[in-house]
Amino acid sequence: MSMGHDRRVPLDDQLAPLSVPARPEASKTPHLKVGVLLSHGFTGSPASMRAWAEFLAVHGYAVEVPLLPGHGSTWQEMNLTTWQDWYAEVARAFDKLVRENDTVIVGGLSMGGALALRLAADRPDDVAGVLLVNAAVASTNKQLLALPLLRHVVKSMPGIGNDIKKPGGDERGYDRTPLNSLHSMVRAWKPLRVDLPKVTAPIRFFRSAEDHVVDPSSVQVVRSSVSSRIFEERILEDSYHVATLDNDATTIFEESLEFIRTLTHPQRPAST
């Protein structure tokens, strides 16, 4: 495939951002408006988050799934965007949830998980919990060391999308990886790792046992660095990287719901 190949992803509802207001009467906390921000990953799209977000919306939670700048169009357009652009967009969606709800949980897939952790580090008083799916904050891939020079030689490399075990899964991302953007993401990891001790919110980290995109170094770094008193790791045995569209998606959805309910409606101690 030519490196100049331009795959323009068809624009449709699966790629559009999703915004749903809270319906407290449908949740188990009718006295409380709860919002959830879910971010898709690098070169991905809201399609990878939509089923998860819609599941939570049915249970009465406000959800925001932003379309990150440069995504949902072409990899060439994405190559003009950086981590700062993506973070600005998730921060905008987060601010909307904070304004309209009483408490907010943040989460994401892969790079989306890193963006969620950045929010949790920057806004610890506003983040009630963090839901991560194969979040990426580090890598043992030595090829990334060549990025500072390689990005000036070639604009893209083969894509990393659709690492899905379930037949027919499609996250509606790019088939090329834009190297300027990749370099920006990798550069953002170091300051994020430095700031992970600022994260105090409870974390539930879903990790695929077999992931061809993100290696186990990320969960190890997050677990050992955050200040969260609650850090729960869940191993997904039957999914690859894009687990929100894979065989364990239902597990992610249901355990996310349980996690949110635990944070927003803690069990009262039994009366004596």
C-alpha atoms as a PDB file:
ATOM      1  CA  MET A   1       0.000   0.000   0.000  1.00  0.00           C
ATOM      2  CA  SER A   2       1.343   3.413  -0.924  1.00  0.00           C
ATOM      3  CA  MET A   3       2.378   5.685   1.911  1.00  0.00           C
ATOM      4  CA  GLY A   4       0.453   8.408   0.154  1.00  0.00           C
ATOM      5  CA  HIS A   5      -2.781   6.439   0.314  1.00  0.00           C
ATOM      6  CA  ASP A   6      -5.614   8.623   1.585  1.00  0.00           C
ATOM      7  CA  ARG A   7      -8.292   6.632   3.322  1.00  0.00           C
ATOM      8  CA  ARG A   8     -11.089   9.048   4.072  1.00  0.00           C
ATOM      9  CA  VAL A   9     -13.384   7.442   6.611  1.00  0.00           C
ATOM     10  CA  PRO A  10     -17.041   7.849   5.653  1.00  0.00           C
ATOM     11  CA  LEU A  11     -18.732  10.293   8.012  1.00  0.00           C
ATOM     12  CA  ASP A  12     -21.681   8.721   9.805  1.00  0.00           C
ATOM     13  CA  ASP A  13     -23.212   8.392  13.247  1.00  0.00           C
ATOM     14  CA  GLN A  14     -20.587   5.886  14.375  1.00  0.00           C
ATOM     15  CA  LEU A  15     -17.857   8.490  13.916  1.00  0.00           C
ATOM     16  CA  ALA A  16     -19.740  11.441  15.338  1.00  0.00           C
ATOM     17  CA  PRO A  17     -19.163  12.625  18.888  1.00  0.00           C
ATOM     18  CA  LEU A  18     -21.794  11.521  21.378  1.00  0.00           C
ATOM     19  CA  SER A  19     -23.374  13.711  24.049  1.00  0.00           C
ATOM     20  CA  VAL A  20     -26.202  12.482  26.287  1.00  0.00           C
ATOM     21  CA  PRO A  21     -27.503  14.326  29.381  1.00  0.00           C
ATOM     22  CA  ALA A  22     -28.009  12.592  32.715  1.00  0.00           C
ATOM     23  CA  ARG A  23     -31.338  11.034  33.603  1.00  0.00           C
ATOM     24  CA  PRO A  24     -31.063  10.541  37.365  1.00  0.00           C
ATOM     25  CA  GLU A  25     -34.483   8.905  37.490  1.00  0.00           C
ATOM     26  CA  ALA A  26     -33.036   5.991  35.478  1.00  0.00           C
ATOM     27  CA  SER A  27     -30.040   5.484  37.758  1.00  0.00           C
ATOM     28  CA  LYS A  28     -29.818   4.080  41.250  1.00  0.00           C
ATOM     29  CA  THR A  29     -28.817   7.525  42.487  1.00  0.00           C
ATOM     30  CA  PRO A  30     -31.835   9.707  41.648  1.00  0.00           C
ATOM     31  CA  HIS A  31     -30.478  12.436  43.928  1.00  0.00           C
ATOM     32  CA  LEU A  32     -27.237  12.656  41.967  1.00  0.00           C
ATOM     33  CA  LYS A  33     -26.331  13.556  38.393  1.00  0.00           C
ATOM     34  CA  VAL A  34     -23.348  11.484  37.293  1.00  0.00           C
ATOM     35  CA  GLY A  35     -21.345  12.163  34.143  1.00  0.00           C
ATOM     36  CA  VAL A  36     -18.907   9.900  32.316  1.00  0.00           C
ATOM     37  CA  LEU A  37     -16.300  11.000  29.776  1.00  0.00           C
ATOM     38  CA  LEU A  38     -15.006   8.282  27.442  1.00  0.00           C
ATOM     39  CA  SER A  39     -12.184   8.944  24.985  1.00  0.00           C
ATOM     40  CA  HIS A  40     -11.256   6.850  21.970  1.00  0.00           C
ATOM     41  CA  GLY A  41      -7.664   6.025  21.125  1.00  0.00           C
ATOM     42  CA  PHE A  42      -4.932   7.084  18.715  1.00  0.00           C
ATOM     43  CA  THR A  43      -6.111   6.932  15.045  1.00  0.00           C
ATOM     44  CA  GLY A  44      -9.422   5.493  16.319  1.00  0.00           C
ATOM     45  CA  SER A  45     -12.882   7.021  16.506  1.00  0.00           C
ATOM     46  CA  PRO A  46     -15.957   7.313  18.738  1.00  0.00           C
ATOM     47  CA  ALA A  47     -17.166   4.058  17.159  1.00  0.00           C
ATOM     48  CA  SER A  48     -14.956   2.201  19.643  1.00  0.00           C
ATOM     49  CA  MET A  49     -16.672   3.952  22.579  1.00  0.00           C
ATOM     50  CA  ARG A  50     -20.258   4.189  21.371  1.00  0.00           C
ATOM     51  CA  ALA A  51     -21.672   0.895  22.662  1.00  0.00           C
ATOM     52  CA  TRP A  52     -20.017   1.445  26.055  1.00  0.00           C
ATOM     53  CA  ALA A  53     -21.337   5.005  26.280  1.00  0.00           C
ATOM     54  CA  GLU A  54     -24.841   4.020  25.188  1.00  0.00           C
ATOM     55  CA  PHE A  55     -24.903   1.254  27.808  1.00  0.00           C
ATOM     56  CA  LEU A  56     -24.108   3.787  30.543  1.00  0.00           C
ATOM     57  CA  ALA A  57     -26.598   6.296  29.140  1.00  0.00           C
ATOM     58  CA  VAL A  58     -29.385   3.717  29.367  1.00  0.00           C
ATOM     59  CA  HIS A  59     -28.615   3.494  33.091  1.00  0.00           C
ATOM     60  CA  GLY A  60     -29.120   7.218  33.517  1.00  0.00           C
ATOM     61  CA  TYR A  61     -25.604   8.597  33.292  1.00  0.00           C
ATOM     62  CA  ALA A  62     -24.584  11.603  31.248  1.00  0.00           C
ATOM     63  CA  VAL A  63     -21.971  10.611  28.682  1.00  0.00           C
ATOM     64  CA  GLU A  64     -19.583  12.564  26.496  1.00  0.00           C
ATOM     65  CA  VAL A  65     -17.584  10.858  23.747  1.00  0.00           C
ATOM     66  CA  PRO A  66     -15.602  13.530  21.892  1.00  0.00           C
ATOM     67  CA  LEU A  67     -14.187  13.125  18.405  1.00  0.00           C
ATOM     68  CA  LEU A  68     -10.531  13.978  18.868  1.00  0.00           C
ATOM     69  CA  PRO A  69      -9.100  16.556  16.414  1.00  0.00           C
ATOM     70  CA  GLY A  70      -7.674  14.995  13.263  1.00  0.00           C
ATOM     71  CA  HIS A  71      -9.721  11.824  13.671  1.00  0.00           C
ATOM     72  CA  GLY A  72     -12.730  10.813  11.610  1.00  0.00           C
ATOM     73  CA  SER A  73     -11.255  12.300   8.434  1.00  0.00           C
ATOM     74  CA  THR A  74      -7.828  11.334   7.033  1.00  0.00           C
ATOM     75  CA  TRP A  75      -4.495  10.379   8.549  1.00  0.00           C
ATOM     76  CA  GLN A  76      -2.959  13.327   6.680  1.00  0.00           C
ATOM     77  CA  GLU A  77      -5.240  15.692   8.547  1.00  0.00           C
ATOM     78  CA  MET A  78      -4.434  13.970  11.809  1.00  0.00           C
ATOM     79  CA  ASN A  79      -0.727  14.423  11.116  1.00  0.00           C
ATOM     80  CA  LEU A  80      -1.276  18.163  11.607  1.00  0.00           C
ATOM     81  CA  THR A  81      -2.620  17.648  15.139  1.00  0.00           C
ATOM     82  CA  THR A  82      -0.889  16.950  18.436  1.00  0.00           C
ATOM     83  CA  TRP A  83      -1.460  15.679  21.966  1.00  0.00           C
ATOM     84  CA  GLN A  84      -2.255  19.268  23.028  1.00  0.00           C
ATOM     85  CA  ASP A  85      -5.126  19.395  20.512  1.00  0.00           C
ATOM     86  CA  TRP A  86      -6.557  16.060  21.693  1.00  0.00           C
ATOM     87  CA  TYR A  87      -6.238  16.976  25.342  1.00  0.00           C
ATOM     88  CA  ALA A  88      -7.925  20.322  24.773  1.00  0.00           C
ATOM     89  CA  GLU A  89     -10.909  18.509  23.281  1.00  0.00           C
ATOM     90  CA  VAL A  90     -11.297  16.009  26.131  1.00  0.00           C
ATOM     91  CA  ALA A  91     -10.880  18.876  28.615  1.00  0.00           C
ATOM     92  CA  ARG A  92     -13.704  20.738  26.867  1.00  0.00           C
ATOM     93  CA  ALA A  93     -15.980  17.696  27.123  1.00  0.00           C
ATOM     94  CA  PHE A  94     -14.928  17.200  30.736  1.00  0.00           C
ATOM     95  CA  ASP A  95     -15.721  20.811  31.641  1.00  0.00           C
ATOM     96  CA  LYS A  96     -19.203  20.371  30.157  1.00  0.00           C
ATOM     97  CA  LEU A  97     -19.801  17.326  32.357  1.00  0.00           C
ATOM     98  CA  VAL A  98     -18.499  19.128  35.442  1.00  0.00           C
ATOM     99  CA  ARG A  99     -20.861  22.058  34.804  1.00  0.00           C
ATOM    100  CA  GLU A 100     -23.916  19.880  34.269  1.00  0.00           C
ATOM    101  CA  ASN A 101     -23.414  17.081  36.793  1.00  0.00           C
ATOM    102  CA  ASP A 102     -22.634  16.500  40.453  1.00  0.00           C
ATOM    103  CA  THR A 103     -19.806  14.033  39.948  1.00  0.00           C
ATOM    104  CA  VAL A 104     -17.738  12.916  36.944  1.00  0.00           C
ATOM    105  CA  ILE A 105     -15.854   9.736  36.022  1.00  0.00           C
ATOM    106  CA  VAL A 106     -13.318   9.733  33.184  1.00  0.00           C
ATOM    107  CA  GLY A 107     -12.153   6.847  31.038  1.00  0.00           C
ATOM    108  CA  GLY A 108     -10.764   5.774  27.734  1.00  0.00           C
ATOM    109  CA  LEU A 109      -9.175   3.224  25.481  1.00  0.00           C
ATOM    110  CA  SER A 110      -5.422   3.189  24.766  1.00  0.00           C
ATOM    111  CA  MET A 111      -4.366   6.828  24.224  1.00  0.00           C
ATOM    112  CA  GLY A 112      -7.824   7.764  25.465  1.00  0.00           C
ATOM    113  CA  GLY A 113      -6.861   6.180  28.766  1.00  0.00           C
ATOM    114  CA  ALA A 114      -3.724   8.319  28.878  1.00  0.00           C
ATOM    115  CA  LEU A 115      -5.820  11.424  28.255  1.00  0.00           C
ATOM    116  CA  ALA A 116      -8.133  10.372  31.096  1.00  0.00           C
ATOM    117  CA  LEU A 117      -5.150   9.962  33.417  1.00  0.00           C
ATOM    118  CA  ARG A 118      -3.893  13.409  32.373  1.00  0.00           C
ATOM    119  CA  LEU A 119      -7.253  14.862  33.415  1.00  0.00           C
ATOM    120  CA  ALA A 120      -7.153  12.950  36.703  1.00  0.00           C
ATOM    121  CA  ALA A 121      -3.657  14.315  37.418  1.00  0.00           C
ATOM    122  CA  ASP A 122      -4.559  17.895  36.469  1.00  0.00           C
ATOM    123  CA  ARG A 123      -8.029  17.976  38.067  1.00  0.00           C
ATOM    124  CA  PRO A 124      -7.932  15.546  41.029  1.00  0.00           C
ATOM    125  CA  ASP A 125     -10.725  17.362  42.861  1.00  0.00           C
ATOM    126  CA  ASP A 126     -13.074  17.019  39.893  1.00  0.00           C
ATOM    127  CA  VAL A 127     -12.417  13.384  38.917  1.00  0.00           C
ATOM    128  CA  ALA A 128     -14.326  10.851  41.008  1.00  0.00           C
ATOM    129  CA  GLY A 129     -13.018   7.745  39.268  1.00  0.00           C
ATOM    130  CA  VAL A 130     -11.018   6.480  36.299  1.00  0.00           C
ATOM    131  CA  LEU A 131     -11.936   3.656  33.908  1.00  0.00           C
ATOM    132  CA  LEU A 132      -9.074   2.459  31.694  1.00  0.00           C
ATOM    133  CA  VAL A 133      -9.020  -0.077  28.868  1.00  0.00           C
ATOM    134  CA  ASN A 134      -5.519  -1.025  27.682  1.00  0.00           C
ATOM    135  CA  ALA A 135      -4.307   2.480  28.476  1.00  0.00           C
ATOM    136  CA  ALA A 136      -0.960   3.475  26.952  1.00  0.00           C
ATOM    137  CA  VAL A 137       1.562   5.555  28.896  1.00  0.00           C
ATOM    138  CA  ALA A 138       4.772   3.712  27.986  1.00  0.00           C
ATOM    139  CA  SER A 139       6.207   1.181  25.541  1.00  0.00           C
ATOM    140  CA  THR A 140       9.081  -1.254  25.322  1.00  0.00           C
ATOM    141  CA  ASN A 141       9.072  -0.975  21.510  1.00  0.00           C
ATOM    142  CA  LYS A 142      12.576   0.229  20.607  1.00  0.00           C
ATOM    143  CA  GLN A 143      11.386   1.337  17.164  1.00  0.00           C
ATOM    144  CA  LEU A 144       9.796   4.361  18.790  1.00  0.00           C
ATOM    145  CA  LEU A 145      13.290   5.688  19.504  1.00  0.00           C
ATOM    146  CA  ALA A 146      13.640   6.430  15.786  1.00  0.00           C
ATOM    147  CA  LEU A 147      10.541   8.623  15.644  1.00  0.00           C
ATOM    148  CA  PRO A 148      12.241  12.032  16.090  1.00  0.00           C
ATOM    149  CA  LEU A 149      14.192  11.478  12.859  1.00  0.00           C
ATOM    150  CA  LEU A 150      11.940   9.048  11.009  1.00  0.00           C
ATOM    151  CA  ARG A 151       8.973  11.438  11.001  1.00  0.00           C
ATOM    152  CA  HIS A 152      10.992  13.814   8.827  1.00  0.00           C
ATOM    153  CA  VAL A 153      11.676  11.064   6.285  1.00  0.00           C
ATOM    154  CA  VAL A 154       8.285   9.378   5.986  1.00  0.00           C
ATOM    155  CA  LYS A 155       4.860  10.734   6.909  1.00  0.00           C
ATOM    156  CA  SER A 156       3.174   7.499   7.931  1.00  0.00           C
ATOM    157  CA  MET A 157       3.544   3.783   8.542  1.00  0.00           C
ATOM    158  CA  PRO A 158       1.072   0.879   8.490  1.00  0.00           C
ATOM    159  CA  GLY A 159      -1.811   1.358  10.897  1.00  0.00           C
ATOM    160  CA  ILE A 160      -2.294  -0.169  14.331  1.00  0.00           C
ATOM    161  CA  GLY A 161      -6.095  -0.203  14.307  1.00  0.00           C
ATOM    162  CA  ASN A 162      -8.606  -3.014  14.535  1.00  0.00           C
ATOM    163  CA  ASP A 163      -6.649  -5.269  16.867  1.00  0.00           C
ATOM    164  CA  ILE A 164      -9.868  -7.159  17.601  1.00  0.00           C
ATOM    165  CA  LYS A 165     -10.222 -10.884  18.180  1.00  0.00           C
ATOM    166  CA  LYS A 166     -13.954 -10.994  17.480  1.00  0.00           C
ATOM    167  CA  PRO A 167     -14.654 -11.500  13.760  1.00  0.00           C
ATOM    168  CA  GLY A 168     -16.065  -8.466  12.001  1.00  0.00           C
ATOM    169  CA  GLY A 169     -15.000  -5.894  14.578  1.00  0.00           C
ATOM    170  CA  ASP A 170     -14.181  -2.448  13.196  1.00  0.00           C
ATOM    171  CA  GLU A 171     -13.210   0.609  15.242  1.00  0.00           C
ATOM    172  CA  ARG A 172     -13.453   2.791  12.128  1.00  0.00           C
ATOM    173  CA  GLY A 173      -9.946   4.165  12.377  1.00  0.00           C
ATOM    174  CA  TYR A 174      -7.096   4.822   9.959  1.00  0.00           C
ATOM    175  CA  ASP A 175      -5.073   2.220   8.071  1.00  0.00           C
ATOM    176  CA  ARG A 176      -1.990   4.448   8.352  1.00  0.00           C
ATOM    177  CA  THR A 177      -0.201   5.773  11.445  1.00  0.00           C
ATOM    178  CA  PRO A 178       0.751   9.472  11.072  1.00  0.00           C
ATOM    179  CA  LEU A 179       4.250   9.790  12.480  1.00  0.00           C
ATOM    180  CA  ASN A 180       4.195  13.460  13.513  1.00  0.00           C
ATOM    181  CA  SER A 181       1.155  12.724  15.649  1.00  0.00           C
ATOM    182  CA  LEU A 182       2.658   9.517  17.006  1.00  0.00           C
ATOM    183  CA  HIS A 183       5.787  11.438  18.004  1.00  0.00           C
ATOM    184  CA  SER A 184       3.640  13.983  19.833  1.00  0.00           C
ATOM    185  CA  MET A 185       1.852  11.262  21.795  1.00  0.00           C
ATOM    186  CA  VAL A 186       5.056   9.483  22.772  1.00  0.00           C
ATOM    187  CA  ARG A 187       6.607  12.782  23.903  1.00  0.00           C
ATOM    188  CA  ALA A 188       3.560  13.414  26.112  1.00  0.00           C
ATOM    189  CA  TRP A 189       4.033  10.143  27.977  1.00  0.00           C
ATOM    190  CA  LYS A 190       7.058  11.267  29.990  1.00  0.00           C
ATOM    191  CA  PRO A 191       5.481  14.327  31.661  1.00  0.00           C
ATOM    192  CA  LEU A 192       2.341  12.284  32.246  1.00  0.00           C
ATOM    193  CA  ARG A 193       4.326   9.565  34.007  1.00  0.00           C
ATOM    194  CA  VAL A 194       5.998  12.240  36.153  1.00  0.00           C
ATOM    195  CA  ASP A 195       2.565  13.522  37.192  1.00  0.00           C
ATOM    196  CA  LEU A 196       0.879  10.168  37.825  1.00  0.00           C
ATOM    197  CA  PRO A 197       1.405  10.511  41.615  1.00  0.00           C
ATOM    198  CA  LYS A 198      -1.082  13.406  41.430  1.00  0.00           C
ATOM    199  CA  VAL A 199      -3.807  10.913  40.491  1.00  0.00           C
ATOM    200  CA  THR A 200      -5.832  10.099  43.612  1.00  0.00           C
ATOM    201  CA  ALA A 201      -9.138   8.845  42.166  1.00  0.00           C
ATOM    202  CA  PRO A 202     -10.069   5.155  42.309  1.00  0.00           C
ATOM    203  CA  ILE A 203      -9.007   3.285  39.161  1.00  0.00           C
ATOM    204  CA  ARG A 204     -10.309   0.192  37.424  1.00  0.00           C
ATOM    205  CA  PHE A 205      -7.893  -0.926  34.706  1.00  0.00           C
ATOM    206  CA  PHE A 206      -9.146  -3.456  32.141  1.00  0.00           C
ATOM    207  CA  ARG A 207      -6.218  -5.161  30.416  1.00  0.00           C
ATOM    208  CA  SER A 208      -6.303  -7.687  27.602  1.00  0.00           C
ATOM    209  CA  ALA A 209      -4.187 -10.772  28.229  1.00  0.00           C
ATOM    210  CA  GLU A 210      -3.195 -10.624  24.551  1.00  0.00           C
ATOM    211  CA  ASP A 211      -2.703  -7.108  23.206  1.00  0.00           C
ATOM    212  CA  HIS A 212      -0.753  -6.507  19.988  1.00  0.00           C
ATOM    213  CA  VAL A 213      -0.612  -2.712  20.412  1.00  0.00           C
ATOM    214  CA  VAL A 214       0.083  -1.864  24.081  1.00  0.00           C
ATOM    215  CA  ASP A 215       2.496  -3.976  26.129  1.00  0.00           C
ATOM    216  CA  PRO A 216       2.214  -4.631  29.907  1.00  0.00           C
ATOM    217  CA  SER A 217       4.703  -1.887  30.793  1.00  0.00           C
ATOM    218  CA  SER A 218       1.865   0.674  30.828  1.00  0.00           C
ATOM    219  CA  VAL A 219      -0.232  -1.006  33.511  1.00  0.00           C
ATOM    220  CA  GLN A 220       2.907  -1.607  35.556  1.00  0.00           C
ATOM    221  CA  VAL A 221       3.826   2.098  35.389  1.00  0.00           C
ATOM    222  CA  VAL A 222       0.322   3.260  36.264  1.00  0.00           C
ATOM    223  CA  ARG A 223      -0.076   0.816  39.147  1.00  0.00           C
ATOM    224  CA  SER A 224       3.261   1.725  40.698  1.00  0.00           C
ATOM    225  CA  SER A 225       2.948   5.497  40.215  1.00  0.00           C
ATOM    226  CA  VAL A 226      -0.564   6.689  41.053  1.00  0.00           C
ATOM    227  CA  SER A 227      -1.563   7.709  44.559  1.00  0.00           C
ATOM    228  CA  SER A 228      -4.993   6.101  44.257  1.00  0.00           C
ATOM    229  CA  ARG A 229      -5.916   4.019  47.280  1.00  0.00           C
ATOM    230  CA  ILE A 230      -8.088   1.854  45.042  1.00  0.00           C
ATOM    231  CA  PHE A 231      -6.457   0.298  41.983  1.00  0.00           C
ATOM    232  CA  GLU A 232      -8.256  -2.696  40.514  1.00  0.00           C
ATOM    233  CA  GLU A 233      -6.912  -4.609  37.538  1.00  0.00           C
ATOM    234  CA  ARG A 234      -9.213  -6.781  35.462  1.00  0.00           C
ATOM    235  CA  ILE A 235      -7.715  -9.212  32.953  1.00  0.00           C
ATOM    236  CA  LEU A 236      -9.685  -9.707  29.737  1.00  0.00           C
ATOM    237  CA  GLU A 237      -8.973 -13.222  28.545  1.00  0.00           C
ATOM    238  CA  ASP A 238     -10.852 -13.200  25.232  1.00  0.00           C
ATOM    239  CA  SER A 239     -10.065  -9.820  23.668  1.00  0.00           C
ATOM    240  CA  TYR A 240      -7.234  -8.030  21.913  1.00  0.00           C
ATOM    241  CA  HIS A 241      -6.445  -4.308  22.119  1.00  0.00           C
ATOM    242  CA  VAL A 242      -9.805  -2.770  21.128  1.00  0.00           C
ATOM    243  CA  ALA A 243     -11.550  -4.656  23.904  1.00  0.00           C
ATOM    244  CA  THR A 244     -14.573  -2.337  23.935  1.00  0.00           C
ATOM    245  CA  LEU A 245     -15.595  -3.919  20.607  1.00  0.00           C
ATOM    246  CA  ASP A 246     -14.354  -7.414  21.387  1.00  0.00           C
ATOM    247  CA  ASN A 247     -15.562 -10.556  23.127  1.00  0.00           C
ATOM    248  CA  ASP A 248     -15.174  -9.053  26.606  1.00  0.00           C
ATOM    249  CA  ALA A 249     -17.064  -5.838  25.880  1.00  0.00           C
ATOM    250  CA  THR A 250     -20.041  -6.866  28.005  1.00  0.00           C
ATOM    251  CA  THR A 251     -17.714  -7.491  30.936  1.00  0.00           C
ATOM    252  CA  ILE A 252     -16.253  -3.993  30.563  1.00  0.00           C
ATOM    253  CA  PHE A 253     -19.697  -2.412  30.380  1.00  0.00           C
ATOM    254  CA  GLU A 254     -21.164  -4.256  33.362  1.00  0.00           C
ATOM    255  CA  GLU A 255     -18.101  -3.885  35.570  1.00  0.00           C
ATOM    256  CA  SER A 256     -17.886  -0.190  34.704  1.00  0.00           C
ATOM    257  CA  LEU A 257     -21.485   0.214  35.821  1.00  0.00           C
ATOM    258  CA  GLU A 258     -20.731  -1.588  39.081  1.00  0.00           C
ATOM    259  CA  PHE A 259     -17.618   0.580  39.596  1.00  0.00           C
ATOM    260  CA  ILE A 260     -19.571   3.809  39.052  1.00  0.00           C
ATOM    261  CA  ARG A 261     -22.356   2.703  41.364  1.00  0.00           C
ATOM    262  CA  THR A 262     -19.833   1.825  44.068  1.00  0.00           C
ATOM    263  CA  LEU A 263     -18.305   5.291  43.837  1.00  0.00           C
ATOM    264  CA  THR A 264     -21.563   7.232  43.679  1.00  0.00           C
ATOM    265  CA  HIS A 265     -23.749   5.132  45.958  1.00  0.00           C
ATOM    266  CA  PRO A 266     -21.476   3.484  48.558  1.00  0.00           C
ATOM    267  CA  GLN A 267     -22.992   0.833  50.739  1.00  0.00           C
ATOM    268  CA  ARG A 268     -24.243   2.164  54.027  1.00  0.00           C
ATOM    269  CA  PRO A 269     -22.901   0.336  57.073  1.00  0.00           C
ATOM    270  CA  ALA A 270     -25.340  -2.125  58.564  1.00  0.00           C
ATOM    271  CA  SER A 271     -27.238  -0.757  61.576  1.00  0.00           C
ATOM    272  CA  THR A 272     -26.438  -2.291  64.936  1.00  0.00           C
END
